[in-house]
C-alpha atoms as a PDB file:
ATOM      1  CA  UNK A   1      31.656 -14.861  63.568  1.00  0.00           C
ATOM      2  CA  UNK A   2      28.995 -12.240  63.055  1.00  0.00           C
ATOM      3  CA  UNK A   3      31.353 -10.483  60.675  1.00  0.00           C
ATOM      4  CA  UNK A   4      31.717 -13.651  58.636  1.00  0.00           C
ATOM      5  CA  UNK A   5      27.925 -14.123  58.607  1.00  0.00           C
ATOM      6  CA  UNK A   6      27.429 -10.543  57.479  1.00  0.00           C
ATOM      7  CA  UNK A   7      29.994 -10.981  54.699  1.00  0.00           C
ATOM      8  CA  UNK A   8      28.374 -14.259  53.566  1.00  0.00           C
ATOM      9  CA  UNK A   9      24.937 -12.627  53.582  1.00  0.00           C
ATOM     10  CA  UNK A  10      26.286  -9.680  51.557  1.00  0.00           C
ATOM     11  CA  UNK A  11      27.903 -12.026  48.982  1.00  0.00           C
ATOM     12  CA  UNK A  12      24.659 -14.038  48.760  1.00  0.00           C
ATOM     13  CA  UNK A  13      22.567 -10.887  48.192  1.00  0.00           C
ATOM     14  CA  UNK A  14      25.066  -9.542  45.643  1.00  0.00           C
ATOM     15  CA  UNK A  15      25.010 -12.877  43.780  1.00  0.00           C
ATOM     16  CA  UNK A  16      21.204 -12.917  43.776  1.00  0.00           C
ATOM     17  CA  UNK A  17      21.137  -9.331  42.477  1.00  0.00           C
ATOM     18  CA  UNK A  18      23.603 -10.109  39.661  1.00  0.00           C
ATOM     19  CA  UNK A  19      21.705 -13.282  38.770  1.00  0.00           C
ATOM     20  CA  UNK A  20      18.414 -11.330  38.671  1.00  0.00           C
ATOM     21  CA  UNK A  21      19.904  -8.648  36.418  1.00  0.00           C
ATOM     22  CA  UNK A  22      21.293 -11.266  34.018  1.00  0.00           C
ATOM     23  CA  UNK A  23      17.951 -13.099  33.846  1.00  0.00           C
ATOM     24  CA  UNK A  24      16.047  -9.856  33.317  1.00  0.00           C
ATOM     25  CA  UNK A  25      18.375  -8.756  30.478  1.00  0.00           C
ATOM     26  CA  UNK A  26      18.180 -12.180  28.807  1.00  0.00           C
ATOM     27  CA  UNK A  27      14.370 -12.174  28.977  1.00  0.00           C
ATOM     28  CA  UNK A  28      14.290  -8.631  27.566  1.00  0.00           C
ATOM     29  CA  UNK A  29      16.550  -9.600  24.659  1.00  0.00           C
ATOM     30  CA  UNK A  30      14.419 -12.697  23.929  1.00  0.00           C
ATOM     31  CA  UNK A  31      11.240 -10.567  23.953  1.00  0.00           C
ATOM     32  CA  UNK A  32      12.848  -8.033  21.564  1.00  0.00           C
ATOM     33  CA  UNK A  33      13.858 -10.894  19.265  1.00  0.00           C
ATOM     34  CA  UNK A  34      10.280 -12.216  19.301  1.00  0.00           C
ATOM     35  CA  UNK A  35       8.904  -8.792  18.358  1.00  0.00           C
ATOM     36  CA  UNK A  36      11.419  -8.432  15.509  1.00  0.00           C
ATOM     37  CA  UNK A  37      10.644 -11.973  14.270  1.00  0.00           C
ATOM     38  CA  UNK A  38       6.906 -11.194  14.196  1.00  0.00           C
ATOM     39  CA  UNK A  39       7.548  -8.142  12.031  1.00  0.00           C
ATOM     40  CA  UNK A  40       9.734  -9.935   9.495  1.00  0.00           C
ATOM     41  CA  UNK A  41       8.083 -10.682   6.166  1.00  0.00           C
ATOM     42  CA  UNK A  42       7.476 -14.309   5.222  1.00  0.00           C
ATOM     43  CA  UNK A  43       8.974 -13.598   1.830  1.00  0.00           C
ATOM     44  CA  UNK A  44      10.361 -10.719  -0.196  1.00  0.00           C
ATOM     45  CA  UNK A  45      10.273 -10.280  -3.963  1.00  0.00           C
ATOM     46  CA  UNK A  46      12.523  -7.855  -5.827  1.00  0.00           C
ATOM     47  CA  UNK A  47      11.518  -6.553  -9.285  1.00  0.00           C
ATOM     48  CA  UNK A  48       8.107  -8.233  -8.978  1.00  0.00           C
ATOM     49  CA  UNK A  49       6.029  -8.877 -12.104  1.00  0.00           C
ATOM     50  CA  UNK A  50       2.715 -10.690 -11.742  1.00  0.00           C
ATOM     51  CA  UNK A  51      -0.383 -11.282 -13.875  1.00  0.00           C
ATOM     52  CA  UNK A  52      -3.717 -12.044 -12.207  1.00  0.00           C
ATOM     53  CA  UNK A  53      -6.551 -13.725 -14.116  1.00  0.00           C
ATOM     54  CA  UNK A  54     -10.277 -13.866 -13.341  1.00  0.00           C
ATOM     55  CA  UNK A  55     -12.144 -17.135 -12.777  1.00  0.00           C
ATOM     56  CA  UNK A  56     -13.217 -17.034 -16.426  1.00  0.00           C
ATOM     57  CA  UNK A  57      -9.591 -16.834 -17.558  1.00  0.00           C
ATOM     58  CA  UNK A  58      -9.512 -13.157 -18.567  1.00  0.00           C
ATOM     59  CA  UNK A  59      -6.587 -10.977 -17.548  1.00  0.00           C
ATOM     60  CA  UNK A  60      -7.804  -9.002 -14.516  1.00  0.00           C
ATOM     61  CA  UNK A  61      -4.733  -6.951 -13.647  1.00  0.00           C
ATOM     62  CA  UNK A  62      -0.956  -6.932 -13.647  1.00  0.00           C
ATOM     63  CA  UNK A  63       1.373  -5.650 -10.963  1.00  0.00           C
ATOM     64  CA  UNK A  64       4.984  -4.611 -11.215  1.00  0.00           C
ATOM     65  CA  UNK A  65       6.901  -3.359  -8.184  1.00  0.00           C
ATOM     66  CA  UNK A  66      10.460  -2.650  -7.183  1.00  0.00           C
ATOM     67  CA  UNK A  67       9.945  -4.652  -3.975  1.00  0.00           C
ATOM     68  CA  UNK A  68       7.170  -6.625  -2.314  1.00  0.00           C
ATOM     69  CA  UNK A  69       7.059  -7.927   1.260  1.00  0.00           C
ATOM     70  CA  UNK A  70       4.395 -10.461   2.250  1.00  0.00           C
ATOM     71  CA  UNK A  71       3.301 -10.935   5.878  1.00  0.00           C
ATOM     72  CA  UNK A  72       1.226 -14.139   6.111  1.00  0.00           C
ATOM     73  CA  UNK A  73       0.182 -13.669   9.754  1.00  0.00           C
ATOM     74  CA  UNK A  74      -1.138 -10.192   9.023  1.00  0.00           C
ATOM     75  CA  UNK A  75      -2.547 -11.280   5.619  1.00  0.00           C
ATOM     76  CA  UNK A  76      -1.048  -8.220   3.982  1.00  0.00           C
ATOM     77  CA  UNK A  77       1.521  -7.418   1.289  1.00  0.00           C
ATOM     78  CA  UNK A  78       3.492  -4.183   1.087  1.00  0.00           C
ATOM     79  CA  UNK A  79       4.766  -2.842  -2.272  1.00  0.00           C
ATOM     80  CA  UNK A  80       7.404  -0.245  -3.087  1.00  0.00           C
ATOM     81  CA  UNK A  81       6.953   1.660  -6.380  1.00  0.00           C
ATOM     82  CA  UNK A  82       3.936  -0.371  -7.567  1.00  0.00           C
ATOM     83  CA  UNK A  83       2.555  -0.117 -11.111  1.00  0.00           C
ATOM     84  CA  UNK A  84      -0.881  -1.679 -11.598  1.00  0.00           C
ATOM     85  CA  UNK A  85      -2.529  -2.192 -14.957  1.00  0.00           C
ATOM     86  CA  UNK A  86      -6.274  -2.817 -14.599  1.00  0.00           C
ATOM     87  CA  UNK A  87      -8.334  -4.463 -17.321  1.00  0.00           C
ATOM     88  CA  UNK A  88     -12.061  -3.577 -17.122  1.00  0.00           C
ATOM     89  CA  UNK A  89     -14.528  -6.490 -16.950  1.00  0.00           C
ATOM     90  CA  UNK A  90     -16.257  -5.278 -20.090  1.00  0.00           C
ATOM     91  CA  UNK A  91     -14.134  -4.904 -23.179  1.00  0.00           C
ATOM     92  CA  UNK A  92     -12.198  -1.697 -22.899  1.00  0.00           C
ATOM     93  CA  UNK A  93      -8.713  -0.294 -22.715  1.00  0.00           C
ATOM     94  CA  UNK A  94      -6.707  -0.813 -19.540  1.00  0.00           C
ATOM     95  CA  UNK A  95      -5.972   1.827 -16.922  1.00  0.00           C
ATOM     96  CA  UNK A  96      -2.533   2.270 -15.351  1.00  0.00           C
ATOM     97  CA  UNK A  97      -2.062   3.210 -11.706  1.00  0.00           C
ATOM     98  CA  UNK A  98       1.246   3.956 -10.017  1.00  0.00           C
ATOM     99  CA  UNK A  99       2.365   5.221  -6.612  1.00  0.00           C
ATOM    100  CA  UNK A 100       5.370   5.291  -4.309  1.00  0.00           C
ATOM    101  CA  UNK A 101       3.912   2.594  -2.034  1.00  0.00           C
ATOM    102  CA  UNK A 102       0.903   0.319  -1.691  1.00  0.00           C
ATOM    103  CA  UNK A 103      -0.597  -2.153   0.752  1.00  0.00           C
ATOM    104  CA  UNK A 104      -2.648  -5.120  -0.466  1.00  0.00           C
ATOM    105  CA  UNK A 105      -5.108  -6.602   2.037  1.00  0.00           C
ATOM    106  CA  UNK A 106      -6.631 -10.101   2.018  1.00  0.00           C
ATOM    107  CA  UNK A 107      -9.970  -8.793   0.698  1.00  0.00           C
ATOM    108  CA  UNK A 108      -8.252  -7.628  -2.546  1.00  0.00           C
ATOM    109  CA  UNK A 109      -8.348  -4.004  -1.441  1.00  0.00           C
ATOM    110  CA  UNK A 110      -5.239  -1.971  -2.253  1.00  0.00           C
ATOM    111  CA  UNK A 111      -4.313   1.309  -0.592  1.00  0.00           C
ATOM    112  CA  UNK A 112      -1.930   3.265  -2.822  1.00  0.00           C
ATOM    113  CA  UNK A 113      -0.102   6.198  -1.232  1.00  0.00           C
ATOM    114  CA  UNK A 114       2.252   9.016  -2.145  1.00  0.00           C
ATOM    115  CA  UNK A 115       2.200  10.479  -5.628  1.00  0.00           C
ATOM    116  CA  UNK A 116      -0.647   8.376  -6.984  1.00  0.00           C
ATOM    117  CA  UNK A 117      -1.026   8.642 -10.755  1.00  0.00           C
ATOM    118  CA  UNK A 118      -3.940   7.109 -12.697  1.00  0.00           C
ATOM    119  CA  UNK A 119      -3.667   7.102 -16.473  1.00  0.00           C
ATOM    120  CA  UNK A 120      -6.101   6.113 -19.207  1.00  0.00           C
ATOM    121  CA  UNK A 121      -4.564   4.192 -22.117  1.00  0.00           C
ATOM    122  CA  UNK A 122      -7.514   4.796 -24.457  1.00  0.00           C
ATOM    123  CA  UNK A 123      -6.421   7.460 -26.951  1.00  0.00           C
ATOM    124  CA  UNK A 124      -9.801   9.247 -27.199  1.00  0.00           C
ATOM    125  CA  UNK A 125     -10.636   9.021 -23.484  1.00  0.00           C
ATOM    126  CA  UNK A 126     -12.216  12.151 -22.011  1.00  0.00           C
ATOM    127  CA  UNK A 127     -10.136  11.666 -18.827  1.00  0.00           C
ATOM    128  CA  UNK A 128      -6.400  11.387 -19.522  1.00  0.00           C
ATOM    129  CA  UNK A 129      -4.927  11.204 -16.019  1.00  0.00           C
ATOM    130  CA  UNK A 130      -5.672  11.733 -12.347  1.00  0.00           C
ATOM    131  CA  UNK A 131      -3.255  12.798  -9.603  1.00  0.00           C
ATOM    132  CA  UNK A 132      -3.760  12.507  -5.833  1.00  0.00           C
ATOM    133  CA  UNK A 133      -1.979  11.601  -2.590  1.00  0.00           C
ATOM    134  CA  UNK A 134      -3.773   8.316  -1.912  1.00  0.00           C
ATOM    135  CA  UNK A 135      -6.522   6.073  -3.233  1.00  0.00           C
ATOM    136  CA  UNK A 136      -8.235   2.816  -2.379  1.00  0.00           C
ATOM    137  CA  UNK A 137      -8.610   0.312  -5.206  1.00  0.00           C
ATOM    138  CA  UNK A 138     -10.975  -2.653  -5.039  1.00  0.00           C
ATOM    139  CA  UNK A 139      -9.477  -5.293  -7.345  1.00  0.00           C
ATOM    140  CA  UNK A 140     -12.709  -7.335  -7.340  1.00  0.00           C
ATOM    141  CA  UNK A 141     -14.901  -4.525  -8.663  1.00  0.00           C
ATOM    142  CA  UNK A 142     -12.340  -2.184 -10.314  1.00  0.00           C
ATOM    143  CA  UNK A 143     -13.692   0.719  -8.257  1.00  0.00           C
ATOM    144  CA  UNK A 144     -11.265   3.431  -7.202  1.00  0.00           C
ATOM    145  CA  UNK A 145     -12.061   5.844  -4.378  1.00  0.00           C
ATOM    146  CA  UNK A 146     -10.331   8.640  -2.523  1.00  0.00           C
ATOM    147  CA  UNK A 147     -11.257  11.205   0.113  1.00  0.00           C
ATOM    148  CA  UNK A 148      -8.181  13.278  -0.726  1.00  0.00           C
ATOM    149  CA  UNK A 149      -7.734  16.266  -3.015  1.00  0.00           C
ATOM    150  CA  UNK A 150      -7.516  15.229  -6.672  1.00  0.00           C
ATOM    151  CA  UNK A 151      -6.514  16.752  -9.982  1.00  0.00           C
ATOM    152  CA  UNK A 152      -8.275  15.365 -13.048  1.00  0.00           C
ATOM    153  CA  UNK A 153      -6.621  16.140 -16.383  1.00  0.00           C
ATOM    154  CA  UNK A 154      -8.832  15.726 -19.436  1.00  0.00           C
ATOM    155  CA  UNK A 155      -8.690  16.473 -23.149  1.00  0.00           C
ATOM    156  CA  UNK A 156      -9.360  20.185 -22.843  1.00  0.00           C
ATOM    157  CA  UNK A 157      -9.635  20.756 -19.106  1.00  0.00           C
ATOM    158  CA  UNK A 158      -8.055  20.377 -15.686  1.00  0.00           C
ATOM    159  CA  UNK A 159     -10.431  19.811 -12.773  1.00  0.00           C
ATOM    160  CA  UNK A 160      -9.607  20.308  -9.079  1.00  0.00           C
ATOM    161  CA  UNK A 161     -11.613  18.844  -6.228  1.00  0.00           C
ATOM    162  CA  UNK A 162     -11.707  16.199  -3.531  1.00  0.00           C
ATOM    163  CA  UNK A 163     -13.452  12.917  -2.968  1.00  0.00           C
ATOM    164  CA  UNK A 164     -13.367  10.659  -5.973  1.00  0.00           C
ATOM    165  CA  UNK A 165     -15.160   7.479  -7.039  1.00  0.00           C
ATOM    166  CA  UNK A 166     -14.363   5.825 -10.366  1.00  0.00           C
ATOM    167  CA  UNK A 167     -15.917   2.636 -11.726  1.00  0.00           C
ATOM    168  CA  UNK A 168     -13.507   1.525 -14.437  1.00  0.00           C
ATOM    169  CA  UNK A 169     -16.020  -1.002 -15.807  1.00  0.00           C
ATOM    170  CA  UNK A 170     -18.708   1.588 -16.543  1.00  0.00           C
ATOM    171  CA  UNK A 171     -16.252   4.501 -16.966  1.00  0.00           C
ATOM    172  CA  UNK A 172     -18.277   6.606 -14.515  1.00  0.00           C
ATOM    173  CA  UNK A 173     -16.489   9.121 -12.312  1.00  0.00           C
ATOM    174  CA  UNK A 174     -17.908  11.081  -9.394  1.00  0.00           C
ATOM    175  CA  UNK A 175     -16.111  14.016  -7.806  1.00  0.00           C
ATOM    176  CA  UNK A 176     -17.803  14.686  -4.456  1.00  0.00           C
ATOM    177  CA  UNK A 177     -16.453  18.193  -3.999  1.00  0.00           C
ATOM    178  CA  UNK A 178     -15.675  20.288  -7.064  1.00  0.00           C
ATOM    179  CA  UNK A 179     -13.424  23.298  -6.509  1.00  0.00           C
ATOM    180  CA  UNK A 180     -12.706  24.599 -10.005  1.00  0.00           C
ATOM    181  CA  UNK A 181     -12.189  23.622 -13.616  1.00  0.00           C
ATOM    182  CA  UNK A 182      -9.836  25.263 -16.054  1.00  0.00           C
ATOM    183  CA  UNK A 183     -10.696  24.854 -19.735  1.00  0.00           C
ATOM    184  CA  UNK A 184      -8.099  25.137 -22.454  1.00  0.00           C
ATOM    185  CA  UNK A 185      -8.647  24.203 -26.055  1.00  0.00           C
ATOM    186  CA  UNK A 186      -5.661  22.352 -27.501  1.00  0.00           C
ATOM    187  CA  UNK A 187      -4.740  22.901 -31.117  1.00  0.00           C
ATOM    188  CA  UNK A 188      -4.372  19.561 -32.938  1.00  0.00           C
ATOM    189  CA  UNK A 189      -2.680  21.027 -35.998  1.00  0.00           C
END
């Protein structure tokens, strides 16, 4: 009889162990599913094109992107290959900004990263284009800033430095650390 009791106890313990393993694995899979669900975007847009207007009805900026993912819980949107066109508050020509990726936050702040390119569309602009690794763009104020190294290409010069602040409304640019400038007169003949 003691052998039968021992066998029954062993079967009971083995069953409890198997049941515990199954419950643990199921709970782990459910937790993984919850984590994946939390990271899924609420919606995705392919080949996005959007125009944003100010309260007064003026075109503020446009955005085109290969792909956009919006996460409502995080209040953030992620863009692949974004192209912004910014229209200054005062009458002036727009500026174009592109990058490999961007993140738009709820406060209308955009962080553009990887191969950032800023281009003036005004033909006689002193600054033609700016290149850097990343910038922060405030869509409310049209102020661009960066702590990274930048290259500023102008009419007859190329400027190297780091730390950049540009107010597109006033067309003022500040380079916090200037490294060098190369001047080259272009022949317009």
